């Protein structure tokens, strides 16, 4: 059953009525309600197009966080073959919020790393809702270094509200682990492609997304802080998250204009959760083109390309 967001209530009513009519028809085969149901479907489609044609920044935040949205494991299963998970940071523990391993994309070997939020209560608790601890970032560092040693391109799938802020994480060097992971991204001699598939929150996302190419799904977000956190700091009122979302310029469209995002990947109307297969296929197409764009570059050229991207950030704003 589809979980509707608060701005989709009118849509929920129409789609609910169409489903009720079809349920009545199944219980009473003599009833012919398909015409009325089809009319409701047509109205719902038009309404869906209208709603998703003019989403606000805050509404995109809600779509990016939708619990039915495809997660890291869905993309790995849908796009990669021969995935071999690798666990642990060889120092403290294995962080289940971060998953990664060797795999093949279009038959070519790659290293894939990502945040995994989980898809039900048990797995979300196990995955810590996609919030990595220091050992998660140190695992990512280990896998990126392994990929660098064997000349494998690295693909990261970003979907996290941010790094875990707990006492234990801070005691084990959370900020240092994030900084080291970001440094490792910058120093890789192989191509690094990062795709924000949901939330890209704070340094927890930057530690995976300091890449040659950063792509974002159309309704994903990428920001230094959540709108609620920003509103709490600036206005001492988390309920001003709508204003904060607009001010942060965290949508894919905003970030493409600023040069932070290199590629906006279209989603099915209504969000990736309404048609996961199409969304995953679109990500695969974009990933293939980005990898092809970097294929054949020398290690020095790959690093220079990445360095140039981040030194040039803000140039568009200054030019304007």
Protein backbone atom coordinates (compact mmCIF):
# COMPACT_ATOMS: atom_id res chain seq x y z
CA UNK A 1 0.00 0.00 0.00
CA UNK A 2 1.40 3.38 -1.03
CA UNK A 3 2.41 5.71 1.78
CA UNK A 4 1.26 9.22 0.89
CA UNK A 5 3.04 12.40 1.91
CA UNK A 6 1.10 15.24 3.52
CA UNK A 7 0.90 17.25 0.27
CA UNK A 8 -0.54 14.21 -1.55
CA UNK A 9 -3.76 13.92 0.50
CA UNK A 10 -6.08 14.92 -2.35
CA UNK A 11 -4.32 12.40 -4.59
CA UNK A 12 -4.70 9.72 -1.92
CA UNK A 13 -8.47 10.30 -1.83
CA UNK A 14 -8.86 9.85 -5.59
CA UNK A 15 -6.59 6.80 -5.89
CA UNK A 16 -8.29 5.33 -2.81
CA UNK A 17 -11.73 5.68 -4.41
CA UNK A 18 -10.51 4.00 -7.61
CA UNK A 19 -9.15 1.10 -5.59
CA UNK A 20 -12.40 0.82 -3.60
CA UNK A 21 -14.40 0.57 -6.85
CA UNK A 22 -12.12 -2.19 -8.16
CA UNK A 23 -12.36 -4.03 -4.83
CA UNK A 24 -16.17 -3.89 -5.08
CA UNK A 25 -15.96 -5.28 -8.61
CA UNK A 26 -13.79 -8.17 -7.46
CA UNK A 27 -16.33 -9.04 -4.75
CA UNK A 28 -19.28 -8.55 -7.11
CA UNK A 29 -18.31 -9.70 -10.63
CA UNK A 30 -21.60 -8.43 -12.07
CA UNK A 31 -20.71 -4.82 -11.25
CA UNK A 32 -19.07 -2.90 -14.10
CA UNK A 33 -17.06 -0.09 -12.50
CA UNK A 34 -14.02 -0.03 -14.78
CA UNK A 35 -15.15 3.11 -16.61
CA UNK A 36 -15.57 5.08 -13.36
CA UNK A 37 -12.27 3.71 -12.03
CA UNK A 38 -10.49 4.64 -15.27
CA UNK A 39 -11.86 8.20 -15.02
CA UNK A 40 -10.52 8.43 -11.46
CA UNK A 41 -7.15 7.08 -12.65
CA UNK A 42 -7.01 9.79 -15.34
CA UNK A 43 -7.82 12.49 -12.78
CA UNK A 44 -5.16 11.10 -10.43
CA UNK A 45 -2.53 11.10 -13.18
CA UNK A 46 -3.24 14.74 -14.02
CA UNK A 47 -3.13 15.67 -10.35
CA UNK A 48 0.16 13.80 -9.89
CA UNK A 49 1.69 15.67 -12.84
CA UNK A 50 0.51 18.99 -11.41
CA UNK A 51 1.79 18.30 -7.88
CA UNK A 52 5.20 17.03 -8.97
CA UNK A 53 5.59 19.72 -11.60
CA UNK A 54 5.92 22.40 -8.93
CA UNK A 55 7.36 20.85 -5.76
CA UNK A 56 8.79 23.22 -3.17
CA UNK A 57 12.22 22.56 -1.64
CA UNK A 58 10.61 21.23 1.55
CA UNK A 59 8.34 18.90 -0.42
CA UNK A 60 11.42 17.54 -2.24
CA UNK A 61 12.95 16.86 1.17
CA UNK A 62 9.91 14.77 2.04
CA UNK A 63 10.13 12.84 -1.25
CA UNK A 64 13.87 12.24 -0.73
CA UNK A 65 13.07 10.71 2.69
CA UNK A 66 10.12 8.60 1.54
CA UNK A 67 10.40 5.20 3.27
CA UNK A 68 9.54 3.30 0.08
CA UNK A 69 12.21 5.03 -1.98
CA UNK A 70 14.79 2.59 -3.46
CA UNK A 71 17.83 2.30 -1.22
CA UNK A 72 21.47 1.36 -1.76
CA UNK A 73 20.86 -2.39 -1.79
CA UNK A 74 18.12 -1.99 -4.41
CA UNK A 75 20.53 -0.18 -6.75
CA UNK A 76 23.29 -2.72 -6.15
CA UNK A 77 20.92 -5.62 -6.92
CA UNK A 78 19.50 -3.84 -9.96
CA UNK A 79 22.67 -2.49 -11.57
CA UNK A 80 25.62 -4.62 -10.52
CA UNK A 81 26.55 -8.26 -10.91
CA UNK A 82 28.92 -10.48 -8.95
CA UNK A 83 28.64 -8.16 -5.95
CA UNK A 84 30.96 -9.41 -3.19
CA UNK A 85 30.41 -7.54 0.08
CA UNK A 86 33.46 -6.64 2.16
CA UNK A 87 33.05 -5.97 5.86
CA UNK A 88 34.85 -4.24 8.70
CA UNK A 89 37.34 -1.42 9.13
CA UNK A 90 40.12 -3.73 10.42
CA UNK A 91 40.21 -1.59 13.54
CA UNK A 92 37.01 -1.63 15.59
CA UNK A 93 33.90 -3.14 13.98
CA UNK A 94 31.69 -3.48 10.93
CA UNK A 95 29.25 -0.60 10.52
CA UNK A 96 26.03 -1.84 8.92
CA UNK A 97 25.04 1.70 7.89
CA UNK A 98 27.77 1.49 5.24
CA UNK A 99 27.91 -1.34 2.76
CA UNK A 100 30.35 -1.96 -0.05
CA UNK A 101 32.33 -4.43 -2.05
CA UNK A 102 33.61 -5.42 -5.45
CA UNK A 103 31.15 -5.87 -8.28
CA UNK A 104 30.77 -5.59 -12.03
CA UNK A 105 28.94 -2.84 -13.87
CA UNK A 106 28.28 -3.58 -17.53
CA UNK A 107 30.77 -6.41 -17.17
CA UNK A 108 33.58 -4.18 -15.88
CA UNK A 109 34.94 -4.45 -12.31
CA UNK A 110 34.21 -1.58 -9.92
CA UNK A 111 34.12 -0.90 -6.20
CA UNK A 112 30.67 0.15 -5.00
CA UNK A 113 30.11 1.77 -1.59
CA UNK A 114 26.95 3.26 -0.14
CA UNK A 115 24.79 4.20 2.82
CA UNK A 116 21.96 1.76 3.53
CA UNK A 117 18.94 2.91 5.55
CA UNK A 118 17.00 -0.36 5.66
CA UNK A 119 13.42 -0.99 4.57
CA UNK A 120 11.59 -2.10 7.73
CA UNK A 121 11.83 -1.46 11.46
CA UNK A 122 14.32 -4.25 12.15
CA UNK A 123 16.67 -3.42 9.26
CA UNK A 124 16.45 0.34 9.91
CA UNK A 125 17.61 -0.18 13.48
CA UNK A 126 20.37 -2.54 12.30
CA UNK A 127 21.47 0.01 9.67
CA UNK A 128 21.16 2.90 12.14
CA UNK A 129 18.90 4.66 9.62
CA UNK A 130 21.87 5.17 7.30
CA UNK A 131 23.85 7.22 9.84
CA UNK A 132 27.43 5.97 9.78
CA UNK A 133 29.78 5.77 12.73
CA UNK A 134 33.58 6.24 12.45
CA UNK A 135 34.09 2.58 11.59
CA UNK A 136 31.75 3.03 8.61
CA UNK A 137 33.91 5.78 7.16
CA UNK A 138 37.06 3.80 7.94
CA UNK A 139 35.58 0.83 6.11
CA UNK A 140 34.91 3.10 3.13
CA UNK A 141 38.52 4.33 3.28
CA UNK A 142 39.76 0.73 3.28
CA UNK A 143 37.63 -0.14 0.26
CA UNK A 144 38.62 3.00 -1.66
CA UNK A 145 42.30 2.28 -1.02
CA UNK A 146 41.77 -1.30 -2.19
CA UNK A 147 40.12 -0.02 -5.38
CA UNK A 148 42.99 2.41 -5.90
CA UNK A 149 45.52 -0.42 -5.56
CA UNK A 150 43.80 -2.50 -8.24
CA UNK A 151 42.82 0.39 -10.51
CA UNK A 152 39.07 -0.01 -10.04
CA UNK A 153 36.64 2.88 -10.52
CA UNK A 154 34.71 3.70 -7.34
CA UNK A 155 30.94 4.26 -7.30
CA UNK A 156 29.34 5.69 -4.15
CA UNK A 157 25.61 5.79 -3.46
CA UNK A 158 24.79 8.53 -0.96
CA UNK A 159 21.68 8.34 1.22
CA UNK A 160 22.17 9.57 4.77
CA UNK A 161 20.69 12.22 7.06
CA UNK A 162 24.25 12.73 8.28
CA UNK A 163 26.96 11.04 10.32
CA UNK A 164 25.82 9.52 13.61
CA UNK A 165 26.23 12.13 16.39
CA UNK A 166 26.30 9.72 19.36
CA UNK A 167 28.74 9.86 22.27
CA UNK A 168 30.53 6.64 21.25
CA UNK A 169 31.00 7.86 17.69
CA UNK A 170 32.55 11.11 18.92
CA UNK A 171 34.83 9.21 21.30
CA UNK A 172 36.08 7.05 18.42
CA UNK A 173 36.94 10.08 16.27
CA UNK A 174 33.91 10.78 14.09
CA UNK A 175 35.17 14.08 12.66
CA UNK A 176 38.63 12.66 11.97
CA UNK A 177 37.15 9.64 10.17
CA UNK A 178 34.98 11.89 7.98
CA UNK A 179 37.96 14.11 7.16
CA UNK A 180 40.14 11.09 6.28
CA UNK A 181 37.42 9.68 4.05
CA UNK A 182 37.09 13.01 2.24
CA UNK A 183 40.88 13.14 1.85
CA UNK A 184 40.90 9.63 0.43
CA UNK A 185 38.27 10.63 -2.14
CA UNK A 186 40.46 13.53 -3.24
CA UNK A 187 43.61 11.42 -3.53
CA UNK A 188 42.15 8.48 -5.48
CA UNK A 189 43.98 7.80 -8.74
CA UNK A 190 40.92 6.07 -10.21
CA UNK A 191 37.60 7.64 -11.28
CA UNK A 192 35.12 8.31 -8.47
CA UNK A 193 31.43 8.69 -9.32
CA UNK A 194 28.97 9.66 -6.59
CA UNK A 195 25.19 9.51 -6.90
CA UNK A 196 22.88 11.05 -4.28
CA UNK A 197 19.90 8.69 -4.32
CA UNK A 198 17.98 10.21 -1.40
CA UNK A 199 19.41 12.40 1.33
CA UNK A 200 22.90 13.85 1.17
CA UNK A 201 23.35 15.16 4.68
CA UNK A 202 26.33 17.16 5.92
CA UNK A 203 29.86 15.77 6.19
CA UNK A 204 28.41 12.29 6.30
CA UNK A 205 27.62 12.71 2.60
CA UNK A 206 30.67 14.76 1.63
CA UNK A 207 32.90 11.93 2.90
CA UNK A 208 31.54 9.77 0.04
CA UNK A 209 30.76 12.45 -2.54
CA UNK A 210 34.01 14.36 -3.08
CA UNK A 211 34.01 12.83 -6.53
CA UNK A 212 34.95 13.48 -10.16
CA UNK A 213 31.27 13.50 -11.01
CA UNK A 214 28.39 14.09 -8.60
CA UNK A 215 24.94 13.11 -9.83
CA UNK A 216 21.65 13.57 -8.02
CA UNK A 217 18.28 12.01 -8.52
CA UNK A 218 15.74 14.69 -9.38
CA UNK A 219 14.01 14.64 -5.98
CA UNK A 220 17.10 14.05 -3.84
CA UNK A 221 18.69 16.68 -1.59
CA UNK A 222 22.29 17.54 -0.67
CA UNK A 223 23.04 20.01 2.10
CA UNK A 224 25.42 20.95 4.89
CA UNK A 225 22.59 20.53 7.42
CA UNK A 226 18.98 19.36 7.50
CA UNK A 227 16.26 22.02 7.16
CA UNK A 228 15.06 21.22 10.69
CA UNK A 229 18.58 21.61 12.10
CA UNK A 230 19.13 24.85 10.22
CA UNK A 231 15.79 26.26 11.44
CA UNK A 232 16.61 25.29 15.03
CA UNK A 233 19.92 27.15 14.87
CA UNK A 234 18.85 30.26 12.93
CA UNK A 235 15.30 30.78 14.21
CA UNK A 236 15.29 28.61 17.35
CA UNK A 237 12.23 26.98 15.82
CA UNK A 238 12.37 23.66 13.92
CA UNK A 239 8.92 24.40 12.48
CA UNK A 240 10.52 26.95 10.15
CA UNK A 241 12.04 24.08 8.16
CA UNK A 242 10.18 25.17 5.01
CA UNK A 243 11.92 28.54 5.00
CA UNK A 244 15.23 26.85 5.81
CA UNK A 245 14.84 24.38 2.93
CA UNK A 246 14.41 27.26 0.48
CA UNK A 247 17.36 29.19 1.90
CA UNK A 248 19.72 26.19 1.85
CA UNK A 249 19.31 25.64 -1.92
CA UNK A 250 19.55 21.91 -1.39
CA UNK A 251 17.61 20.61 -4.40
CA UNK A 252 19.20 19.01 -7.44
CA UNK A 253 18.17 21.96 -9.63
CA UNK A 254 19.74 24.50 -7.27
CA UNK A 255 22.96 22.53 -6.93
CA UNK A 256 23.26 22.01 -10.69
CA UNK A 257 23.05 25.80 -11.10
CA UNK A 258 25.77 26.23 -8.48
CA UNK A 259 28.03 23.64 -10.10
CA UNK A 260 27.98 21.25 -7.13
CA UNK A 261 25.88 18.69 -9.02
CA UNK A 262 27.09 17.62 -12.46
CA UNK A 263 24.13 15.51 -13.53
CA UNK A 264 20.44 15.55 -12.57
CA UNK A 265 18.83 12.14 -13.11
CA UNK A 266 15.11 12.25 -13.91
CA UNK A 267 12.70 10.31 -11.73
CA UNK A 268 9.32 8.82 -12.63
CA UNK A 269 6.46 11.24 -11.98
CA UNK A 270 5.56 10.88 -8.32
CA UNK A 271 9.09 9.99 -7.22
CA UNK A 272 11.40 7.00 -7.48
CA UNK A 273 9.27 5.04 -4.98
CA UNK A 274 6.36 4.88 -7.44
CA UNK A 275 8.40 3.13 -10.12
CA UNK A 276 11.69 1.83 -8.64
CA UNK A 277 12.65 -0.19 -11.73
CA UNK A 278 12.54 2.86 -13.99
CA UNK A 279 14.45 4.96 -11.44
CA UNK A 280 17.17 2.32 -11.10
CA UNK A 281 17.43 1.99 -14.88
CA UNK A 282 17.85 5.79 -15.21
CA UNK A 283 20.63 5.76 -12.62
CA UNK A 284 22.36 2.94 -14.50
CA UNK A 285 22.23 4.88 -17.78
CA UNK A 286 23.70 8.02 -16.19
CA UNK A 287 26.37 6.01 -14.35
CA UNK A 288 27.44 4.34 -17.59
CA UNK A 289 27.83 7.68 -19.35
CA UNK A 290 29.78 9.24 -16.49
CA UNK A 291 32.17 6.31 -16.28
CA UNK A 292 32.66 6.39 -20.06
CA UNK A 293 33.50 10.09 -19.84
CA UNK A 294 36.40 9.30 -17.47
CA UNK A 295 37.50 6.06 -19.11
CA UNK A 296 41.04 6.07 -20.43
CA UNK A 297 42.23 9.04 -18.38
CA UNK A 298 45.58 8.63 -16.63
CA UNK A 299 45.82 8.64 -12.84
CA UNK A 300 47.20 12.18 -12.91
CA UNK A 301 44.41 13.38 -15.20
CA UNK A 302 41.74 11.79 -12.99
CA UNK A 303 43.10 13.52 -9.89
CA UNK A 304 43.54 16.82 -11.75
CA UNK A 305 39.95 16.59 -13.02
CA UNK A 306 38.67 16.10 -9.46
CA UNK A 307 40.87 18.87 -8.05
CA UNK A 308 39.72 21.30 -10.73
CA UNK A 309 36.06 20.56 -9.98
CA UNK A 310 36.40 21.60 -6.35
CA UNK A 311 38.69 24.57 -6.93
CA UNK A 312 36.13 25.90 -9.42
CA UNK A 313 33.17 25.62 -7.03
CA UNK A 314 31.56 29.01 -6.57
CA UNK A 315 32.94 30.36 -9.85
CA UNK A 316 29.46 30.48 -11.38
CA UNK A 317 28.18 32.58 -8.50
CA UNK A 318 31.13 34.98 -8.72
CA UNK A 319 30.69 35.34 -12.48
CA UNK A 320 27.05 36.22 -12.01
